N, C-alpha and C. Protein backbone atom coordinates (compact mmCIF):
# COMPACT_ATOMS: atom_id res chain seq x y z
N MET A 1 29.56 46.93 149.50
CA MET A 1 30.54 45.84 149.60
C MET A 1 30.67 45.43 151.06
N ALA A 2 30.64 44.14 151.32
CA ALA A 2 30.71 43.66 152.69
C ALA A 2 32.13 43.33 153.09
N THR A 3 32.48 43.72 154.29
CA THR A 3 33.78 43.39 154.84
C THR A 3 33.60 42.28 155.86
N THR A 4 34.25 41.15 155.64
CA THR A 4 34.09 40.02 156.53
C THR A 4 34.91 40.22 157.78
N THR A 5 34.24 40.17 158.93
CA THR A 5 34.92 40.35 160.21
C THR A 5 34.96 39.05 161.00
N ALA A 6 34.31 38.02 160.47
CA ALA A 6 34.22 36.77 161.21
C ALA A 6 35.54 36.04 161.33
N ALA A 7 36.54 36.48 160.56
CA ALA A 7 37.83 35.80 160.61
C ALA A 7 38.53 36.03 161.94
N ARG A 8 38.22 37.11 162.62
CA ARG A 8 38.82 37.38 163.91
C ARG A 8 38.33 36.35 164.91
N SER A 9 39.22 35.87 165.75
CA SER A 9 38.80 34.84 166.68
C SER A 9 39.59 34.94 167.97
N SER A 10 39.14 34.22 168.97
CA SER A 10 39.83 34.11 170.24
C SER A 10 39.72 32.66 170.66
N ASP A 11 40.22 32.35 171.83
CA ASP A 11 40.15 30.97 172.28
C ASP A 11 38.83 30.65 172.98
N TYR A 12 37.92 31.63 173.07
CA TYR A 12 36.64 31.36 173.72
C TYR A 12 35.76 30.58 172.74
N PRO A 13 35.09 29.53 173.21
CA PRO A 13 34.35 28.65 172.29
C PRO A 13 33.17 29.27 171.58
N VAL A 14 32.59 30.36 172.11
CA VAL A 14 31.45 30.99 171.46
C VAL A 14 31.96 32.12 170.58
N GLN A 15 31.85 31.94 169.28
CA GLN A 15 32.34 32.92 168.31
C GLN A 15 31.16 33.58 167.60
N PHE A 16 31.14 34.91 167.61
CA PHE A 16 30.05 35.64 166.96
C PHE A 16 30.60 36.84 166.23
N ASP A 17 30.08 37.08 165.03
CA ASP A 17 30.44 38.28 164.29
C ASP A 17 29.41 38.55 163.20
N VAL A 18 29.40 39.77 162.71
CA VAL A 18 28.53 40.18 161.63
C VAL A 18 29.37 40.90 160.60
N ASP A 19 29.23 40.55 159.33
CA ASP A 19 29.98 41.22 158.28
C ASP A 19 29.56 42.67 158.15
N TYR A 20 30.55 43.55 158.10
CA TYR A 20 30.26 44.98 157.97
C TYR A 20 30.08 45.34 156.49
N ASP A 21 28.98 45.97 156.16
CA ASP A 21 28.70 46.40 154.80
C ASP A 21 29.17 47.84 154.65
N ASP A 22 30.30 48.01 153.96
CA ASP A 22 30.84 49.37 153.81
C ASP A 22 30.35 50.06 152.55
N GLY A 23 29.40 49.44 151.86
CA GLY A 23 28.82 50.08 150.69
C GLY A 23 27.63 50.94 151.07
N PRO A 24 27.01 51.61 150.12
CA PRO A 24 25.82 52.42 150.41
C PRO A 24 24.71 51.54 150.97
N ARG A 25 24.13 51.96 152.07
CA ARG A 25 23.06 51.21 152.69
C ARG A 25 21.71 51.60 152.09
N ASN A 26 20.74 50.74 152.24
CA ASN A 26 19.41 50.98 151.70
C ASN A 26 18.64 51.91 152.64
N ARG A 27 18.51 53.16 152.23
CA ARG A 27 17.84 54.15 153.08
C ARG A 27 16.35 53.85 153.25
N LEU A 28 15.71 53.34 152.18
CA LEU A 28 14.27 53.11 152.23
C LEU A 28 13.93 52.02 153.25
N THR A 29 14.62 50.87 153.17
CA THR A 29 14.32 49.80 154.12
C THR A 29 14.77 50.17 155.53
N THR A 30 15.78 51.01 155.63
CA THR A 30 16.21 51.48 156.95
C THR A 30 15.12 52.33 157.58
N PHE A 31 14.52 53.20 156.80
CA PHE A 31 13.49 54.09 157.33
C PHE A 31 12.28 53.29 157.84
N PHE A 32 11.92 52.23 157.12
CA PHE A 32 10.73 51.45 157.48
C PHE A 32 11.09 50.16 158.21
N ARG A 33 12.28 50.08 158.81
CA ARG A 33 12.75 48.83 159.39
C ARG A 33 11.82 48.27 160.46
N LEU A 34 11.28 49.14 161.31
CA LEU A 34 10.40 48.66 162.38
C LEU A 34 9.14 47.99 161.83
N LEU A 35 8.69 48.41 160.66
CA LEU A 35 7.53 47.77 160.04
C LEU A 35 7.93 46.50 159.30
N LEU A 36 9.05 46.55 158.59
CA LEU A 36 9.48 45.42 157.79
C LEU A 36 9.85 44.21 158.64
N VAL A 37 10.30 44.45 159.86
CA VAL A 37 10.74 43.34 160.70
C VAL A 37 9.58 42.58 161.34
N ILE A 38 8.39 43.16 161.30
CA ILE A 38 7.24 42.56 162.00
C ILE A 38 6.94 41.12 161.56
N PRO A 39 6.87 40.80 160.26
CA PRO A 39 6.54 39.41 159.88
C PRO A 39 7.54 38.38 160.42
N ILE A 40 8.84 38.65 160.26
CA ILE A 40 9.84 37.68 160.71
C ILE A 40 9.91 37.65 162.24
N ALA A 41 9.61 38.78 162.88
CA ALA A 41 9.59 38.81 164.35
C ALA A 41 8.43 37.98 164.89
N ILE A 42 7.29 38.03 164.20
CA ILE A 42 6.15 37.20 164.60
C ILE A 42 6.49 35.73 164.45
N LEU A 43 7.16 35.39 163.35
CA LEU A 43 7.57 34.00 163.13
C LEU A 43 8.54 33.55 164.21
N LEU A 44 9.50 34.39 164.53
CA LEU A 44 10.46 34.06 165.58
C LEU A 44 9.77 33.83 166.91
N THR A 45 8.85 34.71 167.27
CA THR A 45 8.12 34.58 168.53
C THR A 45 7.20 33.37 168.53
N SER A 46 6.62 33.07 167.36
CA SER A 46 5.69 31.94 167.30
C SER A 46 6.39 30.61 167.53
N LEU A 47 7.67 30.51 167.24
CA LEU A 47 8.40 29.28 167.51
C LEU A 47 8.39 28.97 169.00
N GLY A 48 8.64 30.00 169.81
CA GLY A 48 8.59 29.80 171.25
C GLY A 48 7.20 29.48 171.73
N GLY A 49 6.19 30.15 171.17
CA GLY A 49 4.82 29.90 171.58
C GLY A 49 4.38 28.50 171.23
N TRP A 50 4.78 28.02 170.03
CA TRP A 50 4.41 26.66 169.63
C TRP A 50 5.03 25.63 170.55
N VAL A 51 6.30 25.85 170.91
CA VAL A 51 6.97 24.88 171.77
C VAL A 51 6.30 24.78 173.13
N VAL A 52 5.96 25.92 173.72
CA VAL A 52 5.39 25.85 175.06
C VAL A 52 3.99 25.28 175.05
N GLU A 53 3.23 25.57 173.98
CA GLU A 53 1.88 25.02 173.91
C GLU A 53 1.91 23.50 173.75
N ARG A 54 2.83 23.01 172.94
CA ARG A 54 2.94 21.57 172.77
C ARG A 54 3.44 20.91 174.05
N ALA A 55 4.42 21.58 174.70
CA ALA A 55 4.97 21.02 175.93
C ALA A 55 3.93 21.03 177.04
N GLY A 56 3.00 22.00 176.98
CA GLY A 56 2.02 22.11 178.04
C GLY A 56 0.76 21.32 177.79
N ALA A 57 0.69 20.65 176.64
CA ALA A 57 -0.50 19.87 176.34
C ALA A 57 -0.67 18.75 177.36
N GLY A 58 -1.87 18.69 177.91
CA GLY A 58 -2.14 17.64 178.88
C GLY A 58 -1.71 17.99 180.28
N THR A 59 -1.14 19.18 180.48
CA THR A 59 -0.69 19.59 181.80
C THR A 59 -1.77 20.42 182.46
N ASN A 60 -2.09 20.12 183.68
CA ASN A 60 -3.09 20.89 184.40
C ASN A 60 -2.42 22.03 185.15
N TRP A 61 -2.65 23.24 184.68
CA TRP A 61 -2.06 24.41 185.32
C TRP A 61 -2.93 24.79 186.53
N THR A 62 -2.28 25.24 187.55
CA THR A 62 -3.01 25.69 188.74
C THR A 62 -2.88 27.19 188.85
N GLY A 63 -3.96 27.86 188.53
CA GLY A 63 -3.94 29.32 188.64
C GLY A 63 -3.74 29.97 187.30
N ASP A 64 -4.64 30.85 186.93
CA ASP A 64 -4.55 31.53 185.64
C ASP A 64 -3.31 32.39 185.55
N GLY A 65 -2.92 32.99 186.66
CA GLY A 65 -1.75 33.87 186.65
C GLY A 65 -0.49 33.12 186.27
N ASN A 66 -0.30 31.92 186.81
CA ASN A 66 0.87 31.12 186.48
C ASN A 66 0.87 30.72 185.01
N GLU A 67 -0.31 30.38 184.50
CA GLU A 67 -0.40 29.96 183.10
C GLU A 67 -0.02 31.10 182.17
N ARG A 68 -0.55 32.30 182.43
CA ARG A 68 -0.25 33.45 181.58
C ARG A 68 1.23 33.78 181.66
N TYR A 69 1.79 33.73 182.86
CA TYR A 69 3.19 34.07 183.04
C TYR A 69 4.08 33.09 182.26
N THR A 70 3.75 31.80 182.35
CA THR A 70 4.55 30.79 181.67
C THR A 70 4.49 30.99 180.17
N THR A 71 3.31 31.29 179.64
CA THR A 71 3.16 31.48 178.21
C THR A 71 3.94 32.68 177.73
N ILE A 72 3.85 33.79 178.45
CA ILE A 72 4.56 35.00 178.06
C ILE A 72 6.06 34.78 178.05
N VAL A 73 6.58 34.18 179.10
CA VAL A 73 8.01 33.95 179.18
C VAL A 73 8.48 33.01 178.07
N SER A 74 7.72 31.96 177.81
CA SER A 74 8.14 30.95 176.85
C SER A 74 8.05 31.45 175.41
N THR A 75 7.16 32.38 175.13
CA THR A 75 7.06 32.89 173.77
C THR A 75 8.21 33.82 173.43
N VAL A 76 8.97 34.25 174.41
CA VAL A 76 10.13 35.08 174.13
C VAL A 76 11.20 34.27 173.41
N SER A 77 11.34 33.01 173.75
CA SER A 77 12.38 32.19 173.15
C SER A 77 11.97 30.74 173.15
N ALA A 78 12.44 30.03 172.12
CA ALA A 78 12.17 28.60 172.03
C ALA A 78 13.38 27.79 172.43
N LEU A 79 14.32 28.40 173.12
CA LEU A 79 15.52 27.69 173.53
C LEU A 79 15.19 26.59 174.53
N LEU A 80 15.85 25.46 174.36
CA LEU A 80 15.71 24.37 175.32
C LEU A 80 16.67 24.64 176.48
N VAL A 81 16.13 24.81 177.67
CA VAL A 81 16.95 25.15 178.83
C VAL A 81 16.90 24.05 179.89
N LEU A 82 15.73 23.76 180.39
CA LEU A 82 15.60 22.76 181.45
C LEU A 82 15.98 21.35 181.01
N PRO A 83 15.57 20.90 179.80
CA PRO A 83 15.96 19.54 179.39
C PRO A 83 17.47 19.30 179.37
N PRO A 84 18.29 20.18 178.73
CA PRO A 84 19.73 19.95 178.78
C PRO A 84 20.28 19.99 180.20
N LEU A 85 19.75 20.89 181.03
CA LEU A 85 20.21 20.97 182.41
C LEU A 85 20.02 19.64 183.12
N LEU A 86 18.83 19.07 182.97
CA LEU A 86 18.53 17.81 183.65
C LEU A 86 19.37 16.65 183.09
N MET A 87 19.56 16.66 181.77
CA MET A 87 20.35 15.59 181.17
C MET A 87 21.81 15.66 181.60
N ILE A 88 22.36 16.88 181.65
CA ILE A 88 23.75 17.03 182.11
C ILE A 88 23.87 16.63 183.57
N LEU A 89 22.90 17.02 184.37
CA LEU A 89 22.94 16.75 185.80
C LEU A 89 22.84 15.25 186.11
N PHE A 90 21.90 14.58 185.48
CA PHE A 90 21.63 13.18 185.84
C PHE A 90 22.28 12.15 184.92
N ARG A 91 22.52 12.53 183.64
CA ARG A 91 23.06 11.54 182.71
C ARG A 91 24.41 11.94 182.13
N GLN A 92 24.85 13.17 182.38
CA GLN A 92 26.07 13.70 181.77
C GLN A 92 26.01 13.55 180.25
N LYS A 93 24.88 13.94 179.70
CA LYS A 93 24.68 13.91 178.26
C LYS A 93 24.05 15.22 177.80
N TYR A 94 24.39 15.62 176.58
CA TYR A 94 23.73 16.75 175.93
C TYR A 94 23.36 16.25 174.54
N PRO A 95 22.12 15.78 174.37
CA PRO A 95 21.72 15.23 173.06
C PRO A 95 22.05 16.18 171.92
N ARG A 96 22.64 15.64 170.89
CA ARG A 96 23.12 16.47 169.79
C ARG A 96 22.01 17.27 169.13
N TRP A 97 20.83 16.67 168.97
CA TRP A 97 19.76 17.40 168.29
C TRP A 97 19.24 18.53 169.15
N TRP A 98 19.31 18.40 170.47
CA TRP A 98 18.96 19.54 171.34
C TRP A 98 19.96 20.67 171.16
N PHE A 99 21.24 20.31 171.13
CA PHE A 99 22.29 21.30 170.92
C PHE A 99 22.11 22.01 169.58
N ASP A 100 21.88 21.21 168.53
CA ASP A 100 21.71 21.80 167.20
C ASP A 100 20.48 22.71 167.14
N TRP A 101 19.39 22.33 167.81
CA TRP A 101 18.20 23.18 167.84
C TRP A 101 18.53 24.52 168.49
N ASN A 102 19.17 24.47 169.66
CA ASN A 102 19.51 25.71 170.36
C ASN A 102 20.43 26.59 169.53
N LEU A 103 21.43 25.97 168.90
CA LEU A 103 22.37 26.75 168.10
C LEU A 103 21.68 27.39 166.91
N GLU A 104 20.87 26.62 166.19
CA GLU A 104 20.21 27.18 165.01
C GLU A 104 19.18 28.24 165.39
N PHE A 105 18.50 28.03 166.53
CA PHE A 105 17.54 29.05 166.96
C PHE A 105 18.28 30.34 167.34
N MET A 106 19.41 30.21 168.04
CA MET A 106 20.21 31.39 168.39
C MET A 106 20.68 32.10 167.13
N ARG A 107 21.07 31.35 166.12
CA ARG A 107 21.50 31.96 164.86
C ARG A 107 20.34 32.72 164.21
N PHE A 108 19.18 32.10 164.17
CA PHE A 108 18.00 32.77 163.60
C PHE A 108 17.67 34.03 164.39
N GLU A 109 17.69 33.92 165.71
CA GLU A 109 17.40 35.07 166.57
C GLU A 109 18.39 36.20 166.32
N ASN A 110 19.65 35.86 166.11
CA ASN A 110 20.67 36.88 165.85
C ASN A 110 20.52 37.52 164.49
N ARG A 111 20.05 36.74 163.50
CA ARG A 111 19.80 37.34 162.18
C ARG A 111 18.68 38.37 162.25
N VAL A 112 17.65 38.05 163.00
CA VAL A 112 16.54 39.00 163.17
C VAL A 112 17.01 40.22 163.94
N SER A 113 17.79 40.01 165.00
CA SER A 113 18.29 41.13 165.80
C SER A 113 19.22 42.01 164.97
N SER A 114 20.04 41.40 164.13
CA SER A 114 20.95 42.17 163.28
C SER A 114 20.19 43.02 162.29
N TYR A 115 19.10 42.46 161.75
CA TYR A 115 18.27 43.22 160.81
C TYR A 115 17.57 44.37 161.52
N LEU A 116 17.02 44.08 162.70
CA LEU A 116 16.35 45.12 163.46
C LEU A 116 17.32 46.20 163.91
N GLY A 117 18.55 45.80 164.24
CA GLY A 117 19.56 46.75 164.67
C GLY A 117 20.28 47.44 163.53
N LEU A 118 19.78 47.25 162.29
CA LEU A 118 20.29 47.92 161.09
C LEU A 118 21.69 47.47 160.71
N LEU A 119 22.18 46.39 161.28
CA LEU A 119 23.52 45.91 160.96
C LEU A 119 23.60 45.37 159.54
N ARG A 120 22.49 44.82 159.06
CA ARG A 120 22.42 44.29 157.71
C ARG A 120 21.12 44.70 157.04
N ASP A 121 21.15 44.74 155.69
CA ASP A 121 19.95 45.13 154.94
C ASP A 121 19.19 43.93 154.39
N GLU A 122 19.87 42.78 154.20
CA GLU A 122 19.15 41.63 153.66
C GLU A 122 18.17 41.10 154.69
N TYR A 123 16.99 40.68 154.18
CA TYR A 123 15.95 40.21 155.09
C TYR A 123 16.39 38.89 155.72
N PRO A 124 16.14 38.71 157.02
CA PRO A 124 16.62 37.51 157.72
C PRO A 124 16.05 36.23 157.12
N SER A 125 16.95 35.28 156.90
CA SER A 125 16.54 33.97 156.42
C SER A 125 16.18 33.08 157.60
N THR A 126 15.27 32.14 157.37
CA THR A 126 14.92 31.21 158.44
C THR A 126 15.93 30.08 158.56
N ASP A 127 16.76 29.87 157.53
CA ASP A 127 17.71 28.76 157.59
C ASP A 127 19.12 29.12 157.13
N GLU A 128 19.29 29.96 156.12
CA GLU A 128 20.62 30.33 155.66
C GLU A 128 21.28 31.26 156.68
N HIS A 129 22.58 31.09 156.86
CA HIS A 129 23.30 31.86 157.88
C HIS A 129 23.59 33.30 157.44
N GLN A 130 23.60 33.55 156.14
CA GLN A 130 23.81 34.89 155.60
C GLN A 130 25.11 35.50 156.13
N ALA A 131 25.07 36.76 156.56
CA ALA A 131 26.30 37.45 156.98
C ALA A 131 26.43 37.53 158.50
N VAL A 132 25.62 36.75 159.21
CA VAL A 132 25.67 36.73 160.66
C VAL A 132 26.24 35.39 161.10
N HIS A 133 27.35 35.41 161.80
CA HIS A 133 28.10 34.20 162.10
C HIS A 133 28.10 33.90 163.61
N LEU A 134 27.56 32.75 163.96
CA LEU A 134 27.61 32.27 165.34
C LEU A 134 28.03 30.81 165.31
N ASN A 135 29.16 30.52 165.94
CA ASN A 135 29.69 29.17 165.95
C ASN A 135 30.02 28.75 167.38
N ILE A 136 29.52 27.57 167.76
CA ILE A 136 29.77 27.02 169.08
C ILE A 136 30.06 25.53 168.90
N PRO A 137 31.20 25.05 169.32
CA PRO A 137 31.51 23.63 169.15
C PRO A 137 30.66 22.75 170.06
N TYR A 138 30.29 21.60 169.54
CA TYR A 138 29.50 20.66 170.34
C TYR A 138 30.39 20.05 171.43
N PRO A 139 29.98 20.17 172.71
CA PRO A 139 30.84 19.71 173.80
C PRO A 139 30.65 18.23 174.12
N ASN A 140 31.70 17.63 174.64
CA ASN A 140 31.60 16.30 175.21
C ASN A 140 31.12 16.47 176.65
N ALA A 141 29.88 16.12 176.90
CA ALA A 141 29.28 16.40 178.20
C ALA A 141 30.01 15.71 179.35
N LYS A 142 30.59 14.55 179.09
CA LYS A 142 31.25 13.82 180.16
C LYS A 142 32.59 14.43 180.56
N THR A 143 33.28 15.03 179.60
CA THR A 143 34.62 15.55 179.87
C THR A 143 34.70 17.07 179.89
N GLN A 144 33.74 17.76 179.26
CA GLN A 144 33.82 19.21 179.12
C GLN A 144 32.76 19.97 179.89
N LEU A 145 31.75 19.26 180.40
CA LEU A 145 30.67 19.92 181.13
C LEU A 145 30.55 19.33 182.53
N ASN A 146 30.66 20.20 183.53
CA ASN A 146 30.50 19.77 184.92
C ASN A 146 29.02 19.52 185.19
N ARG A 147 28.70 18.34 185.70
CA ARG A 147 27.29 17.98 185.85
C ARG A 147 26.55 18.83 186.87
N PHE A 148 27.23 19.43 187.83
CA PHE A 148 26.55 20.21 188.87
C PHE A 148 26.58 21.72 188.60
N LEU A 149 27.46 22.16 187.71
CA LEU A 149 27.59 23.60 187.44
C LEU A 149 26.31 24.23 186.89
N PRO A 150 25.50 23.54 186.06
CA PRO A 150 24.27 24.16 185.57
C PRO A 150 23.32 24.64 186.66
N LEU A 151 23.44 24.08 187.86
CA LEU A 151 22.56 24.48 188.96
C LEU A 151 22.86 25.89 189.45
N VAL A 152 24.08 26.36 189.23
CA VAL A 152 24.48 27.67 189.77
C VAL A 152 24.92 28.66 188.69
N LYS A 153 24.87 28.24 187.44
CA LYS A 153 25.35 29.12 186.38
C LYS A 153 24.60 30.44 186.33
N TRP A 154 23.29 30.39 186.57
CA TRP A 154 22.50 31.63 186.50
C TRP A 154 22.92 32.60 187.60
N ILE A 155 23.39 32.08 188.74
CA ILE A 155 23.90 32.94 189.80
C ILE A 155 25.24 33.54 189.40
N LEU A 156 26.11 32.69 188.84
CA LEU A 156 27.43 33.16 188.42
C LEU A 156 27.34 34.19 187.30
N ALA A 157 26.26 34.13 186.53
CA ALA A 157 26.11 35.04 185.39
C ALA A 157 25.52 36.39 185.77
N ILE A 158 25.12 36.58 187.01
CA ILE A 158 24.48 37.83 187.43
C ILE A 158 25.33 39.06 187.12
N PRO A 159 26.65 39.07 187.40
CA PRO A 159 27.45 40.25 187.03
C PRO A 159 27.36 40.58 185.55
N HIS A 160 27.37 39.54 184.71
CA HIS A 160 27.25 39.77 183.27
C HIS A 160 25.89 40.36 182.91
N ILE A 161 24.84 39.86 183.54
CA ILE A 161 23.49 40.34 183.26
C ILE A 161 23.36 41.82 183.60
N ILE A 162 23.94 42.23 184.73
CA ILE A 162 23.90 43.63 185.13
C ILE A 162 24.61 44.50 184.09
N VAL A 163 25.79 44.05 183.67
CA VAL A 163 26.55 44.81 182.67
C VAL A 163 25.79 44.85 181.35
N LEU A 164 25.18 43.74 180.97
CA LEU A 164 24.46 43.68 179.69
C LEU A 164 23.23 44.59 179.68
N ILE A 165 22.61 44.78 180.83
CA ILE A 165 21.47 45.70 180.89
C ILE A 165 21.93 47.12 180.53
N VAL A 166 23.06 47.52 181.09
CA VAL A 166 23.61 48.85 180.79
C VAL A 166 24.05 48.93 179.33
N LEU A 167 24.76 47.90 178.86
CA LEU A 167 25.22 47.90 177.48
C LEU A 167 24.05 47.87 176.50
N GLY A 168 22.98 47.16 176.87
CA GLY A 168 21.81 47.10 176.01
C GLY A 168 21.17 48.46 175.81
N ILE A 169 21.13 49.25 176.88
CA ILE A 169 20.59 50.61 176.77
C ILE A 169 21.46 51.45 175.84
N LEU A 170 22.77 51.34 176.02
CA LEU A 170 23.70 52.08 175.16
C LEU A 170 23.60 51.62 173.71
N ALA A 171 23.41 50.32 173.52
CA ALA A 171 23.28 49.79 172.16
C ALA A 171 22.01 50.32 171.49
N PHE A 172 20.93 50.44 172.26
CA PHE A 172 19.68 50.98 171.72
C PHE A 172 19.90 52.39 171.18
N PHE A 173 20.55 53.24 171.97
CA PHE A 173 20.79 54.61 171.50
C PHE A 173 21.79 54.63 170.34
N SER A 174 22.70 53.67 170.31
CA SER A 174 23.64 53.58 169.19
C SER A 174 22.89 53.27 167.90
N VAL A 175 21.89 52.40 167.97
CA VAL A 175 21.10 52.05 166.79
C VAL A 175 20.27 53.25 166.33
N VAL A 176 19.74 54.01 167.26
CA VAL A 176 18.98 55.21 166.91
C VAL A 176 19.87 56.20 166.16
N ILE A 177 21.08 56.40 166.69
CA ILE A 177 22.04 57.30 166.02
C ILE A 177 22.40 56.76 164.64
N ALA A 178 22.61 55.45 164.56
CA ALA A 178 22.96 54.83 163.28
C ALA A 178 21.82 54.99 162.28
N TRP A 179 20.58 54.94 162.75
CA TRP A 179 19.42 55.11 161.87
C TRP A 179 19.49 56.46 161.17
N PHE A 180 19.75 57.49 161.93
CA PHE A 180 19.88 58.83 161.33
C PHE A 180 21.10 58.90 160.41
N ALA A 181 22.19 58.28 160.84
CA ALA A 181 23.42 58.32 160.03
C ALA A 181 23.21 57.66 158.68
N ILE A 182 22.52 56.53 158.66
CA ILE A 182 22.27 55.83 157.39
C ILE A 182 21.36 56.66 156.49
N LEU A 183 20.33 57.26 157.09
CA LEU A 183 19.41 58.07 156.29
C LEU A 183 20.11 59.27 155.65
N PHE A 184 21.06 59.86 156.35
CA PHE A 184 21.70 61.08 155.84
C PHE A 184 22.99 60.80 155.07
N THR A 185 23.69 59.74 155.42
CA THR A 185 25.00 59.49 154.78
C THR A 185 25.05 58.18 154.01
N GLY A 186 24.08 57.29 154.25
CA GLY A 186 24.11 55.99 153.59
C GLY A 186 25.10 55.03 154.21
N ARG A 187 25.66 55.35 155.36
CA ARG A 187 26.64 54.52 156.02
C ARG A 187 26.28 54.27 157.48
N TYR A 188 26.65 53.10 157.98
CA TYR A 188 26.53 52.79 159.40
C TYR A 188 27.90 53.07 160.00
N PRO A 189 28.03 54.07 160.88
CA PRO A 189 29.34 54.39 161.45
C PRO A 189 30.02 53.14 162.02
N ARG A 190 31.26 52.90 161.61
CA ARG A 190 31.93 51.64 161.96
C ARG A 190 32.07 51.48 163.48
N GLY A 191 32.34 52.58 164.19
CA GLY A 191 32.48 52.49 165.64
C GLY A 191 31.20 52.03 166.31
N LEU A 192 30.05 52.57 165.87
CA LEU A 192 28.77 52.15 166.43
C LEU A 192 28.45 50.71 166.05
N PHE A 193 28.80 50.34 164.81
CA PHE A 193 28.57 48.98 164.35
C PHE A 193 29.32 47.97 165.22
N ASP A 194 30.59 48.23 165.43
CA ASP A 194 31.40 47.32 166.24
C ASP A 194 30.90 47.23 167.67
N PHE A 195 30.39 48.35 168.19
CA PHE A 195 29.88 48.34 169.56
C PHE A 195 28.62 47.48 169.67
N VAL A 196 27.68 47.66 168.73
CA VAL A 196 26.44 46.88 168.77
C VAL A 196 26.74 45.40 168.58
N VAL A 197 27.62 45.07 167.65
CA VAL A 197 28.00 43.67 167.45
C VAL A 197 28.66 43.12 168.72
N GLY A 198 29.49 43.94 169.36
CA GLY A 198 30.15 43.51 170.59
C GLY A 198 29.16 43.19 171.70
N VAL A 199 28.11 44.02 171.82
CA VAL A 199 27.08 43.76 172.83
C VAL A 199 26.36 42.45 172.52
N MET A 200 26.05 42.22 171.25
CA MET A 200 25.40 40.97 170.86
C MET A 200 26.32 39.78 171.12
N ARG A 201 27.62 39.96 170.85
CA ARG A 201 28.58 38.89 171.10
C ARG A 201 28.62 38.54 172.58
N TRP A 202 28.65 39.56 173.41
CA TRP A 202 28.67 39.35 174.86
C TRP A 202 27.40 38.60 175.30
N GLY A 203 26.26 39.03 174.78
CA GLY A 203 25.00 38.39 175.13
C GLY A 203 24.95 36.93 174.70
N ASN A 204 25.50 36.63 173.52
CA ASN A 204 25.52 35.24 173.05
C ASN A 204 26.40 34.37 173.94
N ARG A 205 27.50 34.92 174.40
CA ARG A 205 28.38 34.15 175.28
C ARG A 205 27.69 33.82 176.60
N VAL A 206 26.99 34.80 177.15
CA VAL A 206 26.29 34.58 178.41
C VAL A 206 25.14 33.58 178.21
N THR A 207 24.43 33.69 177.08
CA THR A 207 23.35 32.76 176.79
C THR A 207 23.88 31.33 176.68
N ALA A 208 24.97 31.16 175.95
CA ALA A 208 25.53 29.82 175.77
C ALA A 208 26.04 29.24 177.08
N TYR A 209 26.51 30.11 177.97
CA TYR A 209 27.05 29.64 179.25
C TYR A 209 25.94 29.35 180.26
N ALA A 210 25.05 30.30 180.48
CA ALA A 210 24.10 30.20 181.59
C ALA A 210 22.71 29.73 181.21
N VAL A 211 22.36 29.80 179.93
CA VAL A 211 20.99 29.46 179.52
C VAL A 211 20.95 28.11 178.80
N THR A 212 21.72 27.99 177.72
CA THR A 212 21.69 26.75 176.95
C THR A 212 22.75 25.75 177.39
N MET A 213 23.60 26.11 178.32
CA MET A 213 24.58 25.18 178.92
C MET A 213 25.54 24.58 177.89
N MET A 214 25.91 25.33 176.88
CA MET A 214 26.75 24.79 175.82
C MET A 214 28.23 24.78 176.15
N THR A 215 28.62 25.51 177.16
CA THR A 215 30.02 25.56 177.56
C THR A 215 30.11 25.86 179.04
N ASP A 216 31.19 25.42 179.66
CA ASP A 216 31.45 25.73 181.06
C ASP A 216 32.49 26.84 181.21
N ARG A 217 33.03 27.30 180.09
CA ARG A 217 34.01 28.39 180.13
C ARG A 217 33.29 29.69 180.52
N TYR A 218 33.74 30.33 181.59
CA TYR A 218 33.08 31.55 182.04
C TYR A 218 33.30 32.65 181.00
N PRO A 219 32.22 33.37 180.64
CA PRO A 219 32.35 34.39 179.59
C PRO A 219 33.29 35.52 180.01
N PRO A 220 34.09 35.99 179.06
CA PRO A 220 34.97 37.13 179.36
C PRO A 220 34.18 38.43 179.41
N PHE A 221 34.67 39.37 180.20
CA PHE A 221 34.05 40.70 180.28
C PHE A 221 34.65 41.58 179.19
N ARG A 222 34.23 41.35 177.97
CA ARG A 222 34.73 42.17 176.86
C ARG A 222 33.79 42.12 175.68
N LEU A 223 33.85 43.17 174.86
CA LEU A 223 33.06 43.26 173.64
C LEU A 223 33.75 42.61 172.46
N ALA A 224 35.07 42.59 172.51
CA ALA A 224 35.86 42.11 171.39
C ALA A 224 35.78 40.60 171.26
N PRO A 225 36.13 40.06 170.10
CA PRO A 225 36.13 38.60 169.90
C PRO A 225 37.08 37.91 170.88
């Protein structure tokens, strides 16, 4: 039985939560999770690879090293970063379809991460939101987004990035512990679940602020909603 936690909210515009399943978990799919996630992980990664290859068509790269580096970095994510930055800076606009692409890709990425992190047993959907909730309101670029702030957001986000590196390591070990707990008890310990979800929530807030430029509200230093 799933317990909905998405009802909890705060005044921060980036809202993220995952429904907690307090029923018996699937031990078999948990045991083989690293293998089962491979197909959807390849699909997720291929979205970024397709975008960069299409964007790079007709571009003359100088130096094999730069080309390889660009491809590797871009295949990690298909998020639109530079285009919104330039549009906000020069036109004070954030095209709605760019925003919707970034939001839906972040949702898809979070569904895959939730499955890999054992938070949910259902296989990640490419379009349905399932039990993973990420909501970000579409901003009015002229009144809600500072046109020059995107130039320095990555600098302002450095403290968050440092904290997230530490939290990410702790979250990894939490998932390992949860893996054993599910295999032996059929349950994901609620404390570990809330911690992993909190780390993902923190990461989504930083991404929306410093990467996809969806909000100018500085992310709070907290795991809670």
